């Protein structure tokens, strides 16, 4: 079943190539959506894909990029969107 997750990550997640590594992890798991840095230092992700792929993706987010330090991962189900790929928003 395809689902949509709205995810917020808190910790050392900006300035550590987090968005690049997350894009690679999403594409490896056939996840569509986007990632963006937020003004408060957190990262927001809208991710859409098959439930088992989303669960694997969320598990990966706890580790993150090699230089990141993820303290908190919060997610909730959202509405399905019309995504064609996984983008990095500036």
PDB file of N, CA and C in Angstrom:
ATOM      1  N   UNK A   1       0.836  -1.171   0.000  1.00  0.00           N
ATOM      2  CA  UNK A   1       0.000   0.000   0.000  1.00  0.00           C
ATOM      3  C   UNK A   1       0.892   1.249   0.000  1.00  0.00           C
ATOM      4  N   UNK A   2       0.583   2.192  -0.865  1.00  0.00           N
ATOM      5  CA  UNK A   2       1.344   3.442  -0.949  1.00  0.00           C
ATOM      6  C   UNK A   2       0.852   4.399   0.128  1.00  0.00           C
ATOM      7  N   UNK A   3       1.813   5.002   0.834  1.00  0.00           N
ATOM      8  CA  UNK A   3       1.487   5.963   1.885  1.00  0.00           C
ATOM      9  C   UNK A   3       2.356   7.197   1.730  1.00  0.00           C
ATOM     10  N   UNK A   4       1.982   8.239   2.456  1.00  0.00           N
ATOM     11  CA  UNK A   4       2.728   9.490   2.491  1.00  0.00           C
ATOM     12  C   UNK A   4       3.077   9.777   3.941  1.00  0.00           C
ATOM     13  N   UNK A   5       4.347  10.068   4.202  1.00  0.00           N
ATOM     14  CA  UNK A   5       4.800  10.456   5.537  1.00  0.00           C
ATOM     15  C   UNK A   5       5.332  11.881   5.483  1.00  0.00           C
ATOM     16  N   UNK A   6       4.954  12.662   6.468  1.00  0.00           N
ATOM     17  CA  UNK A   6       5.510  14.004   6.678  1.00  0.00           C
ATOM     18  C   UNK A   6       6.447  13.880   7.874  1.00  0.00           C
ATOM     19  N   UNK A   7       7.734  14.149   7.651  1.00  0.00           N
ATOM     20  CA  UNK A   7       8.770  13.836   8.627  1.00  0.00           C
ATOM     21  C   UNK A   7       9.549  15.096   9.003  1.00  0.00           C
ATOM     22  N   UNK A   8       9.821  15.265  10.286  1.00  0.00           N
ATOM     23  CA  UNK A   8      10.673  16.357  10.761  1.00  0.00           C
ATOM     24  C   UNK A   8      11.828  15.730  11.539  1.00  0.00           C
ATOM     25  N   UNK A   9      13.051  16.165  11.212  1.00  0.00           N
ATOM     26  CA  UNK A   9      14.246  15.685  11.898  1.00  0.00           C
ATOM     27  C   UNK A   9      14.909  16.824  12.634  1.00  0.00           C
ATOM     28  N   UNK A  10      15.302  16.542  13.864  1.00  0.00           N
ATOM     29  CA  UNK A  10      15.959  17.535  14.713  1.00  0.00           C
ATOM     30  C   UNK A  10      17.316  16.984  15.122  1.00  0.00           C
ATOM     31  N   UNK A  11      18.289  17.848  15.165  1.00  0.00           N
ATOM     32  CA  UNK A  11      19.645  17.485  15.556  1.00  0.00           C
ATOM     33  C   UNK A  11      20.632  18.225  14.680  1.00  0.00           C
ATOM     34  N   UNK A  12      21.795  17.667  14.530  1.00  0.00           N
ATOM     35  CA  UNK A  12      22.798  18.251  13.635  1.00  0.00           C
ATOM     36  C   UNK A  12      22.519  17.675  12.242  1.00  0.00           C
ATOM     37  N   UNK A  13      21.601  18.349  11.528  1.00  0.00           N
ATOM     38  CA  UNK A  13      21.136  17.827  10.240  1.00  0.00           C
ATOM     39  C   UNK A  13      21.264  18.839   9.105  1.00  0.00           C
ATOM     40  N   UNK A  14      21.849  19.991   9.393  1.00  0.00           N
ATOM     41  CA  UNK A  14      22.113  20.970   8.342  1.00  0.00           C
ATOM     42  C   UNK A  14      23.618  21.202   8.266  1.00  0.00           C
ATOM     43  N   UNK A  15      24.115  21.389   7.045  1.00  0.00           N
ATOM     44  CA  UNK A  15      25.541  21.627   6.856  1.00  0.00           C
ATOM     45  C   UNK A  15      26.382  20.371   6.958  1.00  0.00           C
ATOM     46  N   UNK A  16      25.745  19.204   6.863  1.00  0.00           N
ATOM     47  CA  UNK A  16      26.458  17.921   6.990  1.00  0.00           C
ATOM     48  C   UNK A  16      26.101  16.972   5.837  1.00  0.00           C
ATOM     49  N   UNK A  17      25.711  17.539   4.698  1.00  0.00           N
ATOM     50  CA  UNK A  17      25.342  16.772   3.502  1.00  0.00           C
ATOM     51  C   UNK A  17      24.136  15.861   3.734  1.00  0.00           C
ATOM     52  N   UNK A  18      23.305  16.221   4.702  1.00  0.00           N
ATOM     53  CA  UNK A  18      22.159  15.370   5.038  1.00  0.00           C
ATOM     54  C   UNK A  18      21.179  15.237   3.880  1.00  0.00           C
ATOM     55  N   UNK A  19      20.885  16.338   3.207  1.00  0.00           N
ATOM     56  CA  UNK A  19      19.911  16.282   2.110  1.00  0.00           C
ATOM     57  C   UNK A  19      20.415  15.404   0.970  1.00  0.00           C
ATOM     58  N   UNK A  20      21.694  15.499   0.632  1.00  0.00           N
ATOM     59  CA  UNK A  20      22.266  14.686  -0.448  1.00  0.00           C
ATOM     60  C   UNK A  20      22.167  13.192  -0.119  1.00  0.00           C
ATOM     61  N   UNK A  21      22.597  12.824   1.079  1.00  0.00           N
ATOM     62  CA  UNK A  21      22.549  11.413   1.466  1.00  0.00           C
ATOM     63  C   UNK A  21      21.115  10.908   1.574  1.00  0.00           C
ATOM     64  N   UNK A  22      20.210  11.775   2.023  1.00  0.00           N
ATOM     65  CA  UNK A  22      18.806  11.381   2.136  1.00  0.00           C
ATOM     66  C   UNK A  22      18.195  11.157   0.764  1.00  0.00           C
ATOM     67  N   UNK A  23      18.531  11.999  -0.193  1.00  0.00           N
ATOM     68  CA  UNK A  23      18.050  11.811  -1.567  1.00  0.00           C
ATOM     69  C   UNK A  23      18.502  10.455  -2.098  1.00  0.00           C
ATOM     70  N   UNK A  24      19.764  10.099  -1.881  1.00  0.00           N
ATOM     71  CA  UNK A  24      20.283   8.802  -2.329  1.00  0.00           C
ATOM     72  C   UNK A  24      19.544   7.655  -1.630  1.00  0.00           C
ATOM     73  N   UNK A  25      19.314   7.788  -0.322  1.00  0.00           N
ATOM     74  CA  UNK A  25      18.605   6.747   0.430  1.00  0.00           C
ATOM     75  C   UNK A  25      17.168   6.612  -0.052  1.00  0.00           C
ATOM     76  N   UNK A  26      16.528   7.732  -0.358  1.00  0.00           N
ATOM     77  CA  UNK A  26      15.143   7.701  -0.847  1.00  0.00           C
ATOM     78  C   UNK A  26      15.080   7.024  -2.213  1.00  0.00           C
ATOM     79  N   UNK A  27      15.974   7.412  -3.102  1.00  0.00           N
ATOM     80  CA  UNK A  27      15.961   6.828  -4.450  1.00  0.00           C
ATOM     81  C   UNK A  27      16.249   5.335  -4.413  1.00  0.00           C
ATOM     82  N   UNK A  28      17.114   4.908  -3.520  1.00  0.00           N
ATOM     83  CA  UNK A  28      17.431   3.488  -3.379  1.00  0.00           C
ATOM     84  C   UNK A  28      16.206   2.683  -2.951  1.00  0.00           C
ATOM     85  N   UNK A  29      15.275   3.344  -2.243  1.00  0.00           N
ATOM     86  CA  UNK A  29      14.077   2.684  -1.729  1.00  0.00           C
ATOM     87  C   UNK A  29      12.817   3.056  -2.513  1.00  0.00           C
ATOM     88  N   UNK A  30      12.995   3.679  -3.675  1.00  0.00           N
ATOM     89  CA  UNK A  30      11.878   4.087  -4.542  1.00  0.00           C
ATOM     90  C   UNK A  30      10.909   5.025  -3.835  1.00  0.00           C
ATOM     91  N   UNK A  31      11.444   5.936  -3.031  1.00  0.00           N
ATOM     92  CA  UNK A  31      10.643   6.926  -2.321  1.00  0.00           C
ATOM     93  C   UNK A  31      10.583   8.195  -3.159  1.00  0.00           C
ATOM     94  N   UNK A  32       9.402   8.768  -3.292  1.00  0.00           N
ATOM     95  CA  UNK A  32       9.201  10.029  -3.987  1.00  0.00           C
ATOM     96  C   UNK A  32       8.915  11.122  -2.963  1.00  0.00           C
ATOM     97  N   UNK A  33       9.152  12.387  -3.337  1.00  0.00           N
ATOM     98  CA  UNK A  33       8.842  13.495  -2.451  1.00  0.00           C
ATOM     99  C   UNK A  33       9.924  14.546  -2.480  1.00  0.00           C
ATOM    100  N   UNK A  34      10.249  15.109  -1.296  1.00  0.00           N
ATOM    101  CA  UNK A  34      11.275  16.142  -1.232  1.00  0.00           C
ATOM    102  C   UNK A  34      11.817  16.286   0.186  1.00  0.00           C
ATOM    103  N   UNK A  35      12.952  16.960   0.285  1.00  0.00           N
ATOM    104  CA  UNK A  35      13.581  17.289   1.565  1.00  0.00           C
ATOM    105  C   UNK A  35      13.959  18.763   1.522  1.00  0.00           C
ATOM    106  N   UNK A  36      13.819  19.439   2.660  1.00  0.00           N
ATOM    107  CA  UNK A  36      14.202  20.849   2.720  1.00  0.00           C
ATOM    108  C   UNK A  36      14.705  21.209   4.112  1.00  0.00           C
ATOM    109  N   UNK A  37      15.653  22.156   4.157  1.00  0.00           N
ATOM    110  CA  UNK A  37      16.115  22.718   5.415  1.00  0.00           C
ATOM    111  C   UNK A  37      15.080  23.726   5.896  1.00  0.00           C
ATOM    112  N   UNK A  38      14.852  23.740   7.201  1.00  0.00           N
ATOM    113  CA  UNK A  38      13.927  24.690   7.803  1.00  0.00           C
ATOM    114  C   UNK A  38      14.719  25.784   8.518  1.00  0.00           C
ATOM    115  N   UNK A  39      14.113  26.934   8.709  1.00  0.00           N
ATOM    116  CA  UNK A  39      14.779  28.063   9.357  1.00  0.00           C
ATOM    117  C   UNK A  39      15.192  27.777  10.798  1.00  0.00           C
ATOM    118  N   UNK A  40      14.511  26.858  11.471  1.00  0.00           N
ATOM    119  CA  UNK A  40      14.830  26.547  12.870  1.00  0.00           C
ATOM    120  C   UNK A  40      15.961  25.538  13.021  1.00  0.00           C
ATOM    121  N   UNK A  41      16.600  25.143  11.908  1.00  0.00           N
ATOM    122  CA  UNK A  41      17.713  24.191  11.954  1.00  0.00           C
ATOM    123  C   UNK A  41      17.299  22.748  11.754  1.00  0.00           C
ATOM    124  N   UNK A  42      16.001  22.488  11.679  1.00  0.00           N
ATOM    125  CA  UNK A  42      15.522  21.127  11.441  1.00  0.00           C
ATOM    126  C   UNK A  42      15.456  20.860   9.937  1.00  0.00           C
ATOM    127  N   UNK A  43      15.102  19.648   9.602  1.00  0.00           N
ATOM    128  CA  UNK A  43      14.910  19.246   8.206  1.00  0.00           C
ATOM    129  C   UNK A  43      13.500  18.681   8.085  1.00  0.00           C
ATOM    130  N   UNK A  44      12.820  19.034   6.999  1.00  0.00           N
ATOM    131  CA  UNK A  44      11.478  18.516   6.727  1.00  0.00           C
ATOM    132  C   UNK A  44      11.530  17.638   5.484  1.00  0.00           C
ATOM    133  N   UNK A  45      10.838  16.517   5.546  1.00  0.00           N
ATOM    134  CA  UNK A  45      10.763  15.583   4.415  1.00  0.00           C
ATOM    135  C   UNK A  45       9.312  15.213   4.186  1.00  0.00           C
ATOM    136  N   UNK A  46       8.906  15.255   2.942  1.00  0.00           N
ATOM    137  CA  UNK A  46       7.641  14.644   2.559  1.00  0.00           C
ATOM    138  C   UNK A  46       8.022  13.452   1.707  1.00  0.00           C
ATOM    139  N   UNK A  47       7.670  12.265   2.170  1.00  0.00           N
ATOM    140  CA  UNK A  47       8.095  11.026   1.525  1.00  0.00           C
ATOM    141  C   UNK A  47       6.881  10.176   1.187  1.00  0.00           C
ATOM    142  N   UNK A  48       6.904   9.590   0.000  1.00  0.00           N
ATOM    143  CA  UNK A  48       5.780   8.778  -0.455  1.00  0.00           C
ATOM    144  C   UNK A  48       6.302   7.527  -1.130  1.00  0.00           C
ATOM    145  N   UNK A  49       5.715   6.404  -0.770  1.00  0.00           N
ATOM    146  CA  UNK A  49       6.109   5.133  -1.374  1.00  0.00           C
ATOM    147  C   UNK A  49       5.369   3.988  -0.709  1.00  0.00           C
ATOM    148  N   UNK A  50       5.764   2.786  -1.072  1.00  0.00           N
ATOM    149  CA  UNK A  50       5.156   1.611  -0.453  1.00  0.00           C
ATOM    150  C   UNK A  50       5.535   1.578   1.027  1.00  0.00           C
ATOM    151  N   UNK A  51       4.601   1.153   1.835  1.00  0.00           N
ATOM    152  CA  UNK A  51       4.759   1.211   3.285  1.00  0.00           C
ATOM    153  C   UNK A  51       6.055   0.559   3.770  1.00  0.00           C
ATOM    154  N   UNK A  52       6.396  -0.609   3.254  1.00  0.00           N
ATOM    155  CA  UNK A  52       7.621  -1.271   3.726  1.00  0.00           C
ATOM    156  C   UNK A  52       8.870  -0.483   3.331  1.00  0.00           C
ATOM    157  N   UNK A  53       8.846   0.199   2.183  1.00  0.00           N
ATOM    158  CA  UNK A  53       9.974   1.046   1.788  1.00  0.00           C
ATOM    159  C   UNK A  53      10.051   2.286   2.672  1.00  0.00           C
ATOM    160  N   UNK A  54       8.904   2.867   3.011  1.00  0.00           N
ATOM    161  CA  UNK A  54       8.886   4.035   3.907  1.00  0.00           C
ATOM    162  C   UNK A  54       9.431   3.668   5.279  1.00  0.00           C
ATOM    163  N   UNK A  55       9.068   2.499   5.782  1.00  0.00           N
ATOM    164  CA  UNK A  55       9.567   2.074   7.089  1.00  0.00           C
ATOM    165  C   UNK A  55      11.086   1.914   7.065  1.00  0.00           C
ATOM    166  N   UNK A  56      11.621   1.328   5.993  1.00  0.00           N
ATOM    167  CA  UNK A  56      13.075   1.193   5.860  1.00  0.00           C
ATOM    168  C   UNK A  56      13.738   2.567   5.747  1.00  0.00           C
ATOM    169  N   UNK A  57      13.100   3.485   5.043  1.00  0.00           N
ATOM    170  CA  UNK A  57      13.618   4.840   4.890  1.00  0.00           C
ATOM    171  C   UNK A  57      13.662   5.554   6.244  1.00  0.00           C
ATOM    172  N   UNK A  58      12.597   5.471   7.013  1.00  0.00           N
ATOM    173  CA  UNK A  58      12.563   6.099   8.341  1.00  0.00           C
ATOM    174  C   UNK A  58      13.644   5.495   9.227  1.00  0.00           C
ATOM    175  N   UNK A  59      13.839   4.184   9.181  1.00  0.00           N
ATOM    176  CA  UNK A  59      14.914   3.546   9.953  1.00  0.00           C
ATOM    177  C   UNK A  59      16.264   4.138   9.565  1.00  0.00           C
ATOM    178  N   UNK A  60      16.485   4.372   8.252  1.00  0.00           N
ATOM    179  CA  UNK A  60      17.739   4.955   7.793  1.00  0.00           C
ATOM    180  C   UNK A  60      17.906   6.375   8.331  1.00  0.00           C
ATOM    181  N   UNK A  61      16.816   7.127   8.410  1.00  0.00           N
ATOM    182  CA  UNK A  61      16.887   8.517   8.864  1.00  0.00           C
ATOM    183  C   UNK A  61      17.477   8.649  10.263  1.00  0.00           C
ATOM    184  N   UNK A  62      17.271   7.669  11.116  1.00  0.00           N
ATOM    185  CA  UNK A  62      17.842   7.722  12.465  1.00  0.00           C
ATOM    186  C   UNK A  62      19.374   7.731  12.411  1.00  0.00           C
ATOM    187  N   UNK A  63      19.958   7.120  11.398  1.00  0.00           N
ATOM    188  CA  UNK A  63      21.411   7.128  11.224  1.00  0.00           C
ATOM    189  C   UNK A  63      21.848   8.373  10.471  1.00  0.00           C
ATOM    190  N   UNK A  64      21.180   8.673   9.363  1.00  0.00           N
ATOM    191  CA  UNK A  64      21.472   9.873   8.585  1.00  0.00           C
ATOM    192  C   UNK A  64      22.812   9.820   7.874  1.00  0.00           C
ATOM    193  N   UNK A  65      23.313  11.011   7.538  1.00  0.00           N
ATOM    194  CA  UNK A  65      24.583  11.114   6.829  1.00  0.00           C
ATOM    195  C   UNK A  65      25.742  10.889   7.812  1.00  0.00           C
ATOM    196  N   UNK A  66      26.933  10.592   7.287  1.00  0.00           N
ATOM    197  CA  UNK A  66      28.073  10.293   8.171  1.00  0.00           C
ATOM    198  C   UNK A  66      28.392  11.388   9.198  1.00  0.00           C
ATOM    199  N   UNK A  67      28.187  12.660   8.863  1.00  0.00           N
ATOM    200  CA  UNK A  67      28.532  13.745   9.776  1.00  0.00           C
ATOM    201  C   UNK A  67      27.353  14.257  10.595  1.00  0.00           C
ATOM    202  N   UNK A  68      26.162  13.723  10.350  1.00  0.00           N
ATOM    203  CA  UNK A  68      24.977  14.198  11.073  1.00  0.00           C
ATOM    204  C   UNK A  68      24.862  13.526  12.436  1.00  0.00           C
ATOM    205  N   UNK A  69      24.026  14.127  13.263  1.00  0.00           N
ATOM    206  CA  UNK A  69      23.680  13.559  14.558  1.00  0.00           C
ATOM    207  C   UNK A  69      22.185  13.794  14.755  1.00  0.00           C
ATOM    208  N   UNK A  70      21.392  12.801  14.415  1.00  0.00           N
ATOM    209  CA  UNK A  70      19.937  12.919  14.466  1.00  0.00           C
ATOM    210  C   UNK A  70      19.473  12.655  15.900  1.00  0.00           C
ATOM    211  N   UNK A  71      18.807  13.642  16.481  1.00  0.00           N
ATOM    212  CA  UNK A  71      18.300  13.509  17.848  1.00  0.00           C
ATOM    213  C   UNK A  71      16.861  13.019  17.868  1.00  0.00           C
ATOM    214  N   UNK A  72      16.040  13.548  16.940  1.00  0.00           N
ATOM    215  CA  UNK A  72      14.612  13.241  16.943  1.00  0.00           C
ATOM    216  C   UNK A  72      14.106  13.066  15.519  1.00  0.00           C
ATOM    217  N   UNK A  73      13.297  12.031  15.317  1.00  0.00           N
ATOM    218  CA  UNK A  73      12.590  11.825  14.050  1.00  0.00           C
ATOM    219  C   UNK A  73      11.104  11.751  14.392  1.00  0.00           C
ATOM    220  N   UNK A  74      10.348  12.726  13.908  1.00  0.00           N
ATOM    221  CA  UNK A  74       8.890  12.729  14.110  1.00  0.00           C
ATOM    222  C   UNK A  74       8.220  12.597  12.755  1.00  0.00           C
ATOM    223  N   UNK A  75       7.233  11.725  12.675  1.00  0.00           N
ATOM    224  CA  UNK A  75       6.523  11.585  11.410  1.00  0.00           C
ATOM    225  C   UNK A  75       5.048  11.319  11.665  1.00  0.00           C
ATOM    226  N   UNK A  76       4.286  11.702  10.644  1.00  0.00           N
ATOM    227  CA  UNK A  76       2.852  11.439  10.654  1.00  0.00           C
ATOM    228  C   UNK A  76       2.425  11.147   9.228  1.00  0.00           C
ATOM    229  N   UNK A  77       1.330  10.430   9.095  1.00  0.00           N
ATOM    230  CA  UNK A  77       0.828  10.162   7.752  1.00  0.00           C
ATOM    231  C   UNK A  77       0.208  11.422   7.175  1.00  0.00           C
ATOM    232  N   UNK A  78       0.455  11.638   5.887  1.00  0.00           N
ATOM    233  CA  UNK A  78      -0.106  12.775   5.189  1.00  0.00           C
ATOM    234  C   UNK A  78      -0.945  12.320   4.008  1.00  0.00           C
ATOM    235  N   UNK A  79      -1.385  13.280   3.235  1.00  0.00           N
ATOM    236  CA  UNK A  79      -2.172  13.012   2.031  1.00  0.00           C
ATOM    237  C   UNK A  79      -1.242  12.635   0.885  1.00  0.00           C
ATOM    238  N   UNK A  80      -1.659  11.693   0.054  1.00  0.00           N
ATOM    239  CA  UNK A  80      -0.866  11.318  -1.108  1.00  0.00           C
ATOM    240  C   UNK A  80      -0.723  12.507  -2.038  1.00  0.00           C
ATOM    241  N   UNK A  81       0.489  12.692  -2.540  1.00  0.00           N
ATOM    242  CA  UNK A  81       0.778  13.791  -3.449  1.00  0.00           C
ATOM    243  C   UNK A  81       1.075  13.283  -4.844  1.00  0.00           C
ATOM    244  N   UNK A  82       1.392  14.198  -5.728  1.00  0.00           N
ATOM    245  CA  UNK A  82       1.684  13.872  -7.120  1.00  0.00           C
ATOM    246  C   UNK A  82       3.170  14.132  -7.369  1.00  0.00           C
ATOM    247  N   UNK A  83       4.015  13.244  -6.865  1.00  0.00           N
ATOM    248  CA  UNK A  83       5.466  13.395  -6.988  1.00  0.00           C
ATOM    249  C   UNK A  83       5.987  12.525  -8.126  1.00  0.00           C
ATOM    250  N   UNK A  84       6.983  13.032  -8.824  1.00  0.00           N
ATOM    251  CA  UNK A  84       7.603  12.277  -9.914  1.00  0.00           C
ATOM    252  C   UNK A  84       8.971  11.722  -9.510  1.00  0.00           C
ATOM    253  N   UNK A  85       9.622  12.339  -8.528  1.00  0.00           N
ATOM    254  CA  UNK A  85      10.922  11.887  -8.060  1.00  0.00           C
ATOM    255  C   UNK A  85      11.128  12.419  -6.646  1.00  0.00           C
ATOM    256  N   UNK A  86      12.349  12.308  -6.135  1.00  0.00           N
ATOM    257  CA  UNK A  86      12.681  12.835  -4.825  1.00  0.00           C
ATOM    258  C   UNK A  86      13.602  14.021  -5.032  1.00  0.00           C
ATOM    259  N   UNK A  87      13.171  15.209  -4.603  1.00  0.00           N
ATOM    260  CA  UNK A  87      13.911  16.451  -4.853  1.00  0.00           C
ATOM    261  C   UNK A  87      14.521  17.021  -3.586  1.00  0.00           C
ATOM    262  N   UNK A  88      15.582  17.776  -3.790  1.00  0.00           N
ATOM    263  CA  UNK A  88      16.167  18.584  -2.714  1.00  0.00           C
ATOM    264  C   UNK A  88      15.690  20.012  -2.941  1.00  0.00           C
ATOM    265  N   UNK A  89      14.936  20.533  -1.980  1.00  0.00           N
ATOM    266  CA  UNK A  89      14.486  21.927  -2.054  1.00  0.00           C
ATOM    267  C   UNK A  89      15.475  22.804  -1.316  1.00  0.00           C
ATOM    268  N   UNK A  90      15.742  23.958  -1.842  1.00  0.00           N
ATOM    269  CA  UNK A  90      16.687  24.899  -1.227  1.00  0.00           C
ATOM    270  C   UNK A  90      15.996  25.776  -0.222  1.00  0.00           C
TER     271      UNK A  90
END
